[in-house]
Protein backbone atom coordinates (compact mmCIF):
# COMPACT_ATOMS: atom_id res chain seq x y z
CA UNK A 1 -0.03 0.11 0.01
CA UNK A 2 2.88 2.27 0.74
CA UNK A 3 5.24 3.10 -1.96
CA UNK A 4 8.35 4.85 -2.70
CA UNK A 5 8.87 5.87 -6.27
CA UNK A 6 12.66 7.16 -7.15
CA UNK A 7 14.06 9.06 -9.96
CA UNK A 8 16.87 11.15 -11.41
CA UNK A 9 19.73 8.62 -11.63
CA UNK A 10 22.03 8.48 -14.67
CA UNK A 11 25.46 8.63 -15.79
CA UNK A 12 27.65 11.46 -15.50
CA UNK A 13 31.51 12.26 -15.37
CA UNK A 14 34.00 12.62 -12.73
CA UNK A 15 33.10 16.14 -10.98
CA UNK A 16 29.60 16.34 -12.26
CA UNK A 17 26.10 16.47 -10.18
CA UNK A 18 23.05 14.59 -10.21
CA UNK A 19 19.71 15.31 -8.28
CA UNK A 20 17.63 12.38 -7.02
CA UNK A 21 14.10 12.20 -5.67
CA UNK A 22 11.77 10.10 -3.62
CA UNK A 23 8.10 10.22 -3.34
CA UNK A 24 6.20 8.41 -0.90
CA UNK A 25 2.33 7.46 -2.09
CA UNK A 26 -0.26 5.42 -0.61
CA UNK A 27 -2.28 5.21 2.73
CA UNK A 28 -0.23 6.16 5.67
CA UNK A 29 -0.52 8.51 8.82
CA UNK A 30 2.92 9.91 9.17
CA UNK A 31 6.36 9.73 7.32
CA UNK A 32 9.08 10.17 9.72
CA UNK A 33 12.82 9.53 9.12
CA UNK A 34 13.71 9.57 5.51
CA UNK A 35 16.98 8.03 4.14
CA UNK A 36 19.22 7.45 1.15
CA UNK A 37 21.11 3.96 0.99
CA UNK A 38 23.39 2.75 -1.98
CA UNK A 39 24.90 -0.64 -3.07
CA UNK A 40 27.31 -1.90 -5.36
CA UNK A 41 27.78 -5.53 -6.12
CA UNK A 42 29.51 -7.61 -3.86
CA UNK A 43 29.06 -5.19 -1.11
CA UNK A 44 26.60 -4.54 1.68
CA UNK A 45 23.96 -1.68 1.46
CA UNK A 46 25.60 1.38 3.07
CA UNK A 47 23.70 4.23 4.64
CA UNK A 48 24.43 7.64 2.88
CA UNK A 49 22.13 10.14 4.57
CA UNK A 50 19.13 10.52 6.63
CA UNK A 51 16.90 13.33 7.79
CA UNK A 52 14.22 13.46 10.47
CA UNK A 53 11.08 15.55 10.27
CA UNK A 54 12.54 18.26 12.25
CA UNK A 55 15.54 18.62 10.07
CA UNK A 56 18.35 16.42 12.09
CA UNK A 57 20.63 15.19 9.30
CA UNK A 58 23.65 12.53 9.18
CA UNK A 59 26.01 11.86 6.35
CA UNK A 60 28.24 9.00 6.03
CA UNK A 61 32.05 10.45 5.83
CA UNK A 62 32.45 9.42 2.23
CA UNK A 63 30.21 11.97 1.15
CA UNK A 64 30.12 15.08 3.73
CA UNK A 65 30.47 18.37 1.95
CA UNK A 66 29.39 16.67 -1.45
CA UNK A 67 25.83 15.59 -1.01
CA UNK A 68 22.88 17.13 0.69
CA UNK A 69 19.71 15.68 1.35
CA UNK A 70 16.57 17.84 1.83
CA UNK A 71 12.81 16.91 2.19
CA UNK A 72 9.41 18.68 1.33
CA UNK A 73 7.16 17.66 4.20
CA UNK A 74 3.97 18.49 2.34
CA UNK A 75 4.39 16.22 -0.46
CA UNK A 76 6.32 13.54 1.39
CA UNK A 77 9.53 13.88 -1.15
CA UNK A 78 13.14 13.55 -0.37
CA UNK A 79 15.80 14.85 -2.52
CA UNK A 80 19.46 13.76 -2.72
CA UNK A 81 21.78 16.32 -4.31
CA UNK A 82 25.14 14.90 -5.42
CA UNK A 83 27.79 17.25 -6.47
CA UNK A 84 31.67 16.55 -7.17
CA UNK A 85 30.81 13.14 -7.93
CA UNK A 86 33.31 10.35 -7.68
CA UNK A 87 33.97 6.98 -9.64
CA UNK A 88 33.44 5.51 -6.19
CA UNK A 89 29.95 6.82 -5.97
CA UNK A 90 28.92 4.72 -8.67
CA UNK A 91 26.06 2.33 -7.17
CA UNK A 92 22.25 1.81 -7.15
CA UNK A 93 20.78 4.21 -4.79
CA UNK A 94 17.75 3.43 -2.59
CA UNK A 95 15.29 5.75 -0.92
CA UNK A 96 14.09 4.47 2.54
CA UNK A 97 11.36 5.86 4.56
CA UNK A 98 10.12 5.12 8.14
CA UNK A 99 6.44 5.28 7.99
CA UNK A 100 3.72 5.30 10.71
CA UNK A 101 0.59 3.52 8.62
CA UNK A 102 -1.99 4.26 11.07
CA UNK A 103 -2.31 6.03 14.34
CA UNK A 104 -1.25 4.12 17.25
CA UNK A 105 0.70 1.67 15.32
CA UNK A 106 4.28 0.82 15.00
CA UNK A 107 6.46 2.49 12.46
CA UNK A 108 7.81 0.29 9.27
CA UNK A 109 10.39 0.92 6.99
CA UNK A 110 9.75 0.91 2.97
CA UNK A 111 12.18 1.04 0.20
CA UNK A 112 12.21 2.67 -3.28
CA UNK A 113 13.00 0.38 -6.42
CA UNK A 114 16.45 1.77 -6.68
CA UNK A 115 17.94 3.92 -9.31
CA UNK A 116 21.33 3.43 -10.97
CA UNK A 117 23.90 6.05 -10.66
CA UNK A 118 27.34 5.85 -12.65
CA UNK A 119 30.07 7.85 -12.58
CA UNK A 120 32.71 7.71 -15.32
CA UNK A 121 36.36 8.78 -14.71
């Protein structure tokens, strides 16, 4: 019932920029923390950044100063602005949302379908 739809992936050269988006749709009460993860073949999925509804943000050390997460609380959409991209940033990027589906129910996590980001050196 709850879906996360991602867009904005693509191929760029080293030093380029991309902006990803993630929209939450369906029936739910509240979207809490939203986050971006990434994964490459043979490696575990890793947390890139996350943001609470109040604006508290965390970044992995590898992307600090280059990536920026933002949110539109009205539309329940998260964005990931990626600047100064490096070859090491090549991965499938997944959106994640902590959602309370119904008042009084526990929160649950949902995932986007993933979008490919390829950075050429």
